[in-house]
Amino acid sequence: MKDYKDRNTYIKLGLRKGKSAIKTGKVVDIKRKTLLWVGLFLMVFIVNYLFFIHFKPLKTESIDGLKMKNHKSPLSFEDWFEKGCNLQEEGNLIGAYDAYSKAINLRPEDSNIYVKRGVVCVKMENYYNAIRDLKRAISLNPDCMEAFVQRGSVYLKQQNFDYAINDCNYALSLDPNIEEAYFVRGIAFREKGLSDKAKNDFKKSCELGNNNGCQEYEEILYSMNDWT
């Protein structure tokens, strides 16, 4: 059977096949490029996820931890107050004084902190500053019994016996069961030669649990030869 297709027909068929092959090649190339871009996108996404989402909180926490170590928050009034009490119990009077002073700077209206620092001054035999702090405590709180008793004890050490008696009288008017006030006033009475009043105060102090009061009471009984 004779093929009637001429040369031009084969040429045309060849061109069509060629165009088809070119089109097919372009499609394959586009698919490859598309897959390549999708792959690159997925890779960038995964890297970003791991770096910015997964690892960043760990780095942030480590940085925050470093900041906390290098930048400690300042101590509060309560912190300095407690530190002062601990140092005072340890016998570190200078450290306690400094700690109480820092607490006063943070809360200068608190009468109790002045009493605490005043007591430290008494133990350091710095009576001038002790009187100053105790006066300040009384000005802030006129009913601060401890401030009156402590100031009375300072006056006693300074041999200002009348001042000591007056402070103890006022403290006992606020609370008649302050054993230290009876003891301090008893010493002041004894130094003034008022043995009977001293004996009564020592006895009352002893009854309230003051061991020093008991000792003074026994001694004054011996000196007076009075066991009544």
C-alpha atoms as a PDB file:
ATOM      1  CA  MET A   1       0.000   0.000   0.000  1.00  0.00           C
ATOM      2  CA  LYS A   2       1.424   3.308  -1.092  1.00  0.00           C
ATOM      3  CA  ASP A   3       1.984   6.106   1.303  1.00  0.00           C
ATOM      4  CA  TYR A   4       0.633   9.281  -0.252  1.00  0.00           C
ATOM      5  CA  LYS A   5       2.236  11.584   2.260  1.00  0.00           C
ATOM      6  CA  ASP A   6       4.694  13.832   0.593  1.00  0.00           C
ATOM      7  CA  ARG A   7       7.926  15.260   1.929  1.00  0.00           C
ATOM      8  CA  ASN A   8       6.246  18.322   3.271  1.00  0.00           C
ATOM      9  CA  THR A   9       3.956  16.152   5.288  1.00  0.00           C
ATOM     10  CA  TYR A  10       6.875  14.418   7.005  1.00  0.00           C
ATOM     11  CA  ILE A  11       8.515  17.739   7.619  1.00  0.00           C
ATOM     12  CA  LYS A  12       5.360  19.019   9.230  1.00  0.00           C
ATOM     13  CA  LEU A  13       5.069  15.908  11.334  1.00  0.00           C
ATOM     14  CA  GLY A  14       8.679  16.293  12.395  1.00  0.00           C
ATOM     15  CA  LEU A  15       8.141  19.892  13.419  1.00  0.00           C
ATOM     16  CA  ARG A  16       5.091  18.939  15.424  1.00  0.00           C
ATOM     17  CA  LYS A  17       6.990  16.175  17.215  1.00  0.00           C
ATOM     18  CA  GLY A  18       9.822  18.575  17.861  1.00  0.00           C
ATOM     19  CA  LYS A  19       7.496  21.183  19.304  1.00  0.00           C
ATOM     20  CA  SER A  20       5.841  18.531  21.410  1.00  0.00           C
ATOM     21  CA  ALA A  21       9.188  17.391  22.726  1.00  0.00           C
ATOM     22  CA  ILE A  22      10.159  20.974  23.518  1.00  0.00           C
ATOM     23  CA  LYS A  23       6.874  21.508  25.357  1.00  0.00           C
ATOM     24  CA  THR A  24       7.341  18.264  27.257  1.00  0.00           C
ATOM     25  CA  GLY A  25      10.880  19.345  28.232  1.00  0.00           C
ATOM     26  CA  LYS A  26       9.629  22.692  29.468  1.00  0.00           C
ATOM     27  CA  VAL A  27       6.982  21.021  31.607  1.00  0.00           C
ATOM     28  CA  VAL A  28       9.533  18.687  33.155  1.00  0.00           C
ATOM     29  CA  ASP A  29      11.879  21.611  33.782  1.00  0.00           C
ATOM     30  CA  ILE A  30       9.102  23.630  35.418  1.00  0.00           C
ATOM     31  CA  LYS A  31       8.211  20.703  37.650  1.00  0.00           C
ATOM     32  CA  ARG A  32      11.841  20.344  38.689  1.00  0.00           C
ATOM     33  CA  LYS A  33      12.143  24.033  39.468  1.00  0.00           C
ATOM     34  CA  THR A  34       8.891  23.961  41.375  1.00  0.00           C
ATOM     35  CA  LEU A  35      10.035  21.016  43.476  1.00  0.00           C
ATOM     36  CA  LEU A  36      13.360  22.779  44.049  1.00  0.00           C
ATOM     37  CA  TRP A  37      11.676  25.968  45.319  1.00  0.00           C
ATOM     38  CA  VAL A  38       9.276  24.007  47.487  1.00  0.00           C
ATOM     39  CA  GLY A  39      12.230  22.118  48.962  1.00  0.00           C
ATOM     40  CA  LEU A  40      14.138  25.344  49.613  1.00  0.00           C
ATOM     41  CA  PHE A  41      11.061  26.887  51.247  1.00  0.00           C
ATOM     42  CA  LEU A  42      10.607  23.896  53.521  1.00  0.00           C
ATOM     43  CA  MET A  43      14.279  23.968  54.455  1.00  0.00           C
ATOM     44  CA  VAL A  44      14.156  27.692  55.332  1.00  0.00           C
ATOM     45  CA  PHE A  45      10.978  27.156  57.341  1.00  0.00           C
ATOM     46  CA  ILE A  46      12.492  24.294  59.323  1.00  0.00           C
ATOM     47  CA  VAL A  47      15.679  26.253  60.035  1.00  0.00           C
ATOM     48  CA  ASN A  48      13.696  29.289  61.172  1.00  0.00           C
ATOM     49  CA  TYR A  49      11.493  27.147  63.373  1.00  0.00           C
ATOM     50  CA  LEU A  50      14.428  25.469  65.068  1.00  0.00           C
ATOM     51  CA  PHE A  51      16.414  28.663  65.544  1.00  0.00           C
ATOM     52  CA  PHE A  52      13.795  31.252  66.435  1.00  0.00           C
ATOM     53  CA  ILE A  53      11.182  29.103  68.124  1.00  0.00           C
ATOM     54  CA  HIS A  54      12.910  26.104  69.627  1.00  0.00           C
ATOM     55  CA  PHE A  55      16.281  27.505  70.677  1.00  0.00           C
ATOM     56  CA  LYS A  56      15.384  31.124  71.436  1.00  0.00           C
ATOM     57  CA  PRO A  57      13.583  30.489  74.772  1.00  0.00           C
ATOM     58  CA  LEU A  58      16.615  28.579  76.036  1.00  0.00           C
ATOM     59  CA  LYS A  59      18.874  31.470  75.151  1.00  0.00           C
ATOM     60  CA  THR A  60      16.454  33.965  76.674  1.00  0.00           C
ATOM     61  CA  GLU A  61      16.285  31.996  79.904  1.00  0.00           C
ATOM     62  CA  SER A  62      20.058  31.800  80.105  1.00  0.00           C
ATOM     63  CA  ILE A  63      20.365  35.538  79.478  1.00  0.00           C
ATOM     64  CA  ASP A  64      17.707  36.301  82.088  1.00  0.00           C
ATOM     65  CA  GLY A  65      19.482  34.041  84.552  1.00  0.00           C
ATOM     66  CA  LEU A  66      22.733  35.883  83.909  1.00  0.00           C
ATOM     67  CA  LYS A  67      21.010  39.222  84.417  1.00  0.00           C
ATOM     68  CA  MET A  68      19.547  38.057  87.702  1.00  0.00           C
ATOM     69  CA  LYS A  69      22.992  37.032  88.909  1.00  0.00           C
ATOM     70  CA  ASN A  70      24.626  40.276  87.856  1.00  0.00           C
ATOM     71  CA  HIS A  71      21.783  42.585  88.914  1.00  0.00           C
ATOM     72  CA  LYS A  72      20.396  41.640  92.301  1.00  0.00           C
ATOM     73  CA  SER A  73      17.332  43.499  93.503  1.00  0.00           C
ATOM     74  CA  PRO A  74      17.967  45.938  96.386  1.00  0.00           C
ATOM     75  CA  LEU A  75      17.227  44.735  99.901  1.00  0.00           C
ATOM     76  CA  SER A  76      13.943  45.797 101.463  1.00  0.00           C
ATOM     77  CA  PHE A  77      13.292  47.290 104.903  1.00  0.00           C
ATOM     78  CA  GLU A  78      12.411  43.847 106.229  1.00  0.00           C
ATOM     79  CA  ASP A  79      15.646  42.410 104.808  1.00  0.00           C
ATOM     80  CA  TRP A  80      17.831  45.016 106.508  1.00  0.00           C
ATOM     81  CA  PHE A  81      15.848  44.747 109.741  1.00  0.00           C
ATOM     82  CA  GLU A  82      16.290  40.966 109.861  1.00  0.00           C
ATOM     83  CA  LYS A  83      19.952  41.262 108.933  1.00  0.00           C
ATOM     84  CA  GLY A  84      20.475  43.751 111.747  1.00  0.00           C
ATOM     85  CA  CYS A  85      18.810  41.428 114.265  1.00  0.00           C
ATOM     86  CA  ASN A  86      20.955  38.496 113.153  1.00  0.00           C
ATOM     87  CA  LEU A  87      24.171  40.505 113.331  1.00  0.00           C
ATOM     88  CA  GLN A  88      23.204  41.823 116.753  1.00  0.00           C
ATOM     89  CA  GLU A  89      22.639  38.287 118.037  1.00  0.00           C
ATOM     90  CA  GLU A  90      26.039  37.290 116.641  1.00  0.00           C
ATOM     91  CA  GLY A  91      27.661  40.150 118.526  1.00  0.00           C
ATOM     92  CA  ASN A  92      28.545  42.118 115.394  1.00  0.00           C
ATOM     93  CA  LEU A  93      27.393  45.483 116.735  1.00  0.00           C
ATOM     94  CA  ILE A  94      28.949  47.620 114.005  1.00  0.00           C
ATOM     95  CA  GLY A  95      27.350  45.492 111.294  1.00  0.00           C
ATOM     96  CA  ALA A  96      24.017  45.597 113.119  1.00  0.00           C
ATOM     97  CA  TYR A  97      24.230  49.380 113.439  1.00  0.00           C
ATOM     98  CA  ASP A  98      24.868  49.750 109.696  1.00  0.00           C
ATOM     99  CA  ALA A  99      22.018  47.371 108.827  1.00  0.00           C
ATOM    100  CA  TYR A 100      19.563  49.215 111.070  1.00  0.00           C
ATOM    101  CA  SER A 101      20.714  52.516 109.568  1.00  0.00           C
ATOM    102  CA  LYS A 102      19.910  51.252 106.070  1.00  0.00           C
ATOM    103  CA  ALA A 103      16.504  50.117 107.306  1.00  0.00           C
ATOM    104  CA  ILE A 104      15.893  53.587 108.765  1.00  0.00           C
ATOM    105  CA  ASN A 105      16.744  55.164 105.407  1.00  0.00           C
ATOM    106  CA  LEU A 106      14.009  53.058 103.820  1.00  0.00           C
ATOM    107  CA  ARG A 107      11.396  53.638 106.543  1.00  0.00           C
ATOM    108  CA  PRO A 108      12.301  56.633 108.729  1.00  0.00           C
ATOM    109  CA  GLU A 109       8.824  56.758 110.308  1.00  0.00           C
ATOM    110  CA  ASP A 110       9.153  53.366 112.034  1.00  0.00           C
ATOM    111  CA  SER A 111       9.777  53.900 115.768  1.00  0.00           C
ATOM    112  CA  ASN A 112      10.806  50.317 116.466  1.00  0.00           C
ATOM    113  CA  ILE A 113      13.890  50.461 114.250  1.00  0.00           C
ATOM    114  CA  TYR A 114      15.180  53.460 116.215  1.00  0.00           C
ATOM    115  CA  VAL A 115      14.784  51.466 119.424  1.00  0.00           C
ATOM    116  CA  LYS A 116      16.756  48.585 117.915  1.00  0.00           C
ATOM    117  CA  ARG A 117      19.591  50.856 116.826  1.00  0.00           C
ATOM    118  CA  GLY A 118      19.455  52.662 120.170  1.00  0.00           C
ATOM    119  CA  VAL A 119      19.964  49.369 122.013  1.00  0.00           C
ATOM    120  CA  VAL A 120      22.991  48.638 119.818  1.00  0.00           C
ATOM    121  CA  CYS A 121      24.389  52.077 120.699  1.00  0.00           C
ATOM    122  CA  VAL A 122      23.924  51.287 124.405  1.00  0.00           C
ATOM    123  CA  LYS A 123      25.907  48.072 124.017  1.00  0.00           C
ATOM    124  CA  MET A 124      28.592  50.006 122.155  1.00  0.00           C
ATOM    125  CA  GLU A 125      28.576  52.519 125.042  1.00  0.00           C
ATOM    126  CA  ASN A 126      27.697  55.253 122.588  1.00  0.00           C
ATOM    127  CA  TYR A 127      25.193  56.857 124.928  1.00  0.00           C
ATOM    128  CA  TYR A 128      24.823  60.110 123.021  1.00  0.00           C
ATOM    129  CA  ASN A 129      23.568  58.366 119.890  1.00  0.00           C
ATOM    130  CA  ALA A 130      21.514  55.973 122.001  1.00  0.00           C
ATOM    131  CA  ILE A 131      19.628  58.878 123.609  1.00  0.00           C
ATOM    132  CA  ARG A 132      19.180  60.463 120.187  1.00  0.00           C
ATOM    133  CA  ASP A 133      17.629  57.318 118.680  1.00  0.00           C
ATOM    134  CA  LEU A 134      15.403  56.619 121.687  1.00  0.00           C
ATOM    135  CA  LYS A 135      14.147  60.205 121.730  1.00  0.00           C
ATOM    136  CA  ARG A 136      13.327  59.877 118.047  1.00  0.00           C
ATOM    137  CA  ALA A 137      11.412  56.657 118.722  1.00  0.00           C
ATOM    138  CA  ILE A 138       9.404  58.364 121.476  1.00  0.00           C
ATOM    139  CA  SER A 139       8.631  61.335 119.226  1.00  0.00           C
ATOM    140  CA  LEU A 140       7.264  58.936 116.611  1.00  0.00           C
ATOM    141  CA  ASN A 141       5.394  56.816 119.166  1.00  0.00           C
ATOM    142  CA  PRO A 142       4.780  58.481 122.566  1.00  0.00           C
ATOM    143  CA  ASP A 143       3.517  55.152 123.968  1.00  0.00           C
ATOM    144  CA  CYS A 144       6.628  53.176 123.007  1.00  0.00           C
ATOM    145  CA  MET A 145       7.277  51.502 126.370  1.00  0.00           C
ATOM    146  CA  GLU A 146      10.536  49.877 125.344  1.00  0.00           C
ATOM    147  CA  ALA A 147      11.988  53.224 124.269  1.00  0.00           C
ATOM    148  CA  PHE A 148      11.280  54.686 127.731  1.00  0.00           C
ATOM    149  CA  VAL A 149      12.803  51.694 129.521  1.00  0.00           C
ATOM    150  CA  GLN A 150      15.890  51.692 127.310  1.00  0.00           C
ATOM    151  CA  ARG A 151      16.352  55.428 127.684  1.00  0.00           C
ATOM    152  CA  GLY A 152      15.931  55.014 131.439  1.00  0.00           C
ATOM    153  CA  SER A 153      18.744  52.441 131.414  1.00  0.00           C
ATOM    154  CA  VAL A 154      20.972  54.891 129.506  1.00  0.00           C
ATOM    155  CA  TYR A 155      20.228  57.638 132.033  1.00  0.00           C
ATOM    156  CA  LEU A 156      21.090  55.146 134.763  1.00  0.00           C
ATOM    157  CA  LYS A 157      24.490  54.483 133.171  1.00  0.00           C
ATOM    158  CA  GLN A 158      25.037  58.216 132.965  1.00  0.00           C
ATOM    159  CA  GLN A 159      24.055  58.482 136.662  1.00  0.00           C
ATOM    160  CA  ASN A 160      21.063  60.670 135.798  1.00  0.00           C
ATOM    161  CA  PHE A 161      18.993  58.784 138.359  1.00  0.00           C
ATOM    162  CA  ASP A 162      15.993  61.102 138.429  1.00  0.00           C
ATOM    163  CA  TYR A 163      15.657  60.938 134.639  1.00  0.00           C
ATOM    164  CA  ALA A 164      15.923  57.159 134.821  1.00  0.00           C
ATOM    165  CA  ILE A 165      13.196  56.975 137.471  1.00  0.00           C
ATOM    166  CA  ASN A 166      10.913  59.267 135.466  1.00  0.00           C
ATOM    167  CA  ASP A 167      11.246  57.188 132.299  1.00  0.00           C
ATOM    168  CA  CYS A 168      10.552  53.965 134.210  1.00  0.00           C
ATOM    169  CA  ASN A 169       7.540  55.564 135.920  1.00  0.00           C
ATOM    170  CA  TYR A 170       6.056  56.472 132.562  1.00  0.00           C
ATOM    171  CA  ALA A 171       6.724  53.024 131.103  1.00  0.00           C
ATOM    172  CA  LEU A 172       5.050  51.375 134.123  1.00  0.00           C
ATOM    173  CA  SER A 173       2.070  53.697 133.746  1.00  0.00           C
ATOM    174  CA  LEU A 174       1.599  52.208 130.288  1.00  0.00           C
ATOM    175  CA  ASP A 175       2.184  48.637 131.452  1.00  0.00           C
ATOM    176  CA  PRO A 176       2.634  47.785 135.173  1.00  0.00           C
ATOM    177  CA  ASN A 177       4.231  44.410 134.349  1.00  0.00           C
ATOM    178  CA  ILE A 178       7.494  45.483 132.737  1.00  0.00           C
ATOM    179  CA  GLU A 179      10.092  43.610 134.782  1.00  0.00           C
ATOM    180  CA  GLU A 180      13.022  45.550 133.279  1.00  0.00           C
ATOM    181  CA  ALA A 181      11.477  48.877 134.300  1.00  0.00           C
ATOM    182  CA  TYR A 182      11.259  47.746 137.939  1.00  0.00           C
ATOM    183  CA  PHE A 183      14.852  46.568 137.814  1.00  0.00           C
ATOM    184  CA  VAL A 184      16.226  49.820 136.334  1.00  0.00           C
ATOM    185  CA  ARG A 185      14.187  51.948 138.726  1.00  0.00           C
ATOM    186  CA  GLY A 186      15.320  49.758 141.631  1.00  0.00           C
ATOM    187  CA  ILE A 187      18.965  50.412 140.761  1.00  0.00           C
ATOM    188  CA  ALA A 188      18.258  54.153 140.563  1.00  0.00           C
ATOM    189  CA  PHE A 189      16.521  54.100 143.957  1.00  0.00           C
ATOM    190  CA  ARG A 190      19.388  52.180 145.488  1.00  0.00           C
ATOM    191  CA  GLU A 191      21.954  54.643 144.137  1.00  0.00           C
ATOM    192  CA  LYS A 192      19.922  57.495 145.594  1.00  0.00           C
ATOM    193  CA  GLY A 193      19.921  55.762 148.978  1.00  0.00           C
ATOM    194  CA  LEU A 194      16.233  54.827 148.866  1.00  0.00           C
ATOM    195  CA  SER A 195      16.711  51.231 149.981  1.00  0.00           C
ATOM    196  CA  ASP A 196      13.080  50.447 150.775  1.00  0.00           C
ATOM    197  CA  LYS A 197      11.880  51.542 147.365  1.00  0.00           C
ATOM    198  CA  ALA A 198      14.759  49.693 145.733  1.00  0.00           C
ATOM    199  CA  LYS A 199      13.908  46.510 147.652  1.00  0.00           C
ATOM    200  CA  ASN A 200      10.269  46.673 146.555  1.00  0.00           C
ATOM    201  CA  ASP A 201      11.228  47.191 142.917  1.00  0.00           C
ATOM    202  CA  PHE A 202      13.752  44.345 142.957  1.00  0.00           C
ATOM    203  CA  LYS A 203      11.173  42.073 144.527  1.00  0.00           C
ATOM    204  CA  LYS A 204       8.579  42.959 141.889  1.00  0.00           C
ATOM    205  CA  SER A 205      11.127  42.528 139.107  1.00  0.00           C
ATOM    206  CA  CYS A 206      12.048  39.105 140.498  1.00  0.00           C
ATOM    207  CA  GLU A 207       8.404  38.044 140.694  1.00  0.00           C
ATOM    208  CA  LEU A 208       7.990  38.951 137.019  1.00  0.00           C
ATOM    209  CA  GLY A 209      10.921  36.703 136.063  1.00  0.00           C
ATOM    210  CA  ASN A 210      13.953  38.975 136.029  1.00  0.00           C
ATOM    211  CA  ASN A 211      16.884  36.956 137.380  1.00  0.00           C
ATOM    212  CA  ASN A 212      18.984  40.069 137.910  1.00  0.00           C
ATOM    213  CA  GLY A 213      16.139  41.486 139.956  1.00  0.00           C
ATOM    214  CA  CYS A 214      16.152  38.348 142.112  1.00  0.00           C
ATOM    215  CA  GLN A 215      19.876  38.654 142.711  1.00  0.00           C
ATOM    216  CA  GLU A 216      19.612  42.324 143.625  1.00  0.00           C
ATOM    217  CA  TYR A 217      16.690  41.581 145.925  1.00  0.00           C
ATOM    218  CA  GLU A 218      18.675  38.970 147.849  1.00  0.00           C
ATOM    219  CA  GLU A 219      21.673  41.272 148.142  1.00  0.00           C
ATOM    220  CA  ILE A 220      19.660  44.203 149.411  1.00  0.00           C
ATOM    221  CA  LEU A 221      17.957  41.960 151.970  1.00  0.00           C
ATOM    222  CA  TYR A 222      21.351  40.913 153.311  1.00  0.00           C
ATOM    223  CA  SER A 223      22.529  44.494 153.438  1.00  0.00           C
ATOM    224  CA  MET A 224      19.377  45.583 155.240  1.00  0.00           C
ATOM    225  CA  ASN A 225      19.141  42.446 157.391  1.00  0.00           C
ATOM    226  CA  ASP A 226      15.473  42.471 156.409  1.00  0.00           C
ATOM    227  CA  TRP A 227      13.804  39.193 155.372  1.00  0.00           C
ATOM    228  CA  THR A 228      10.265  40.500 155.447  1.00  0.00           C
END
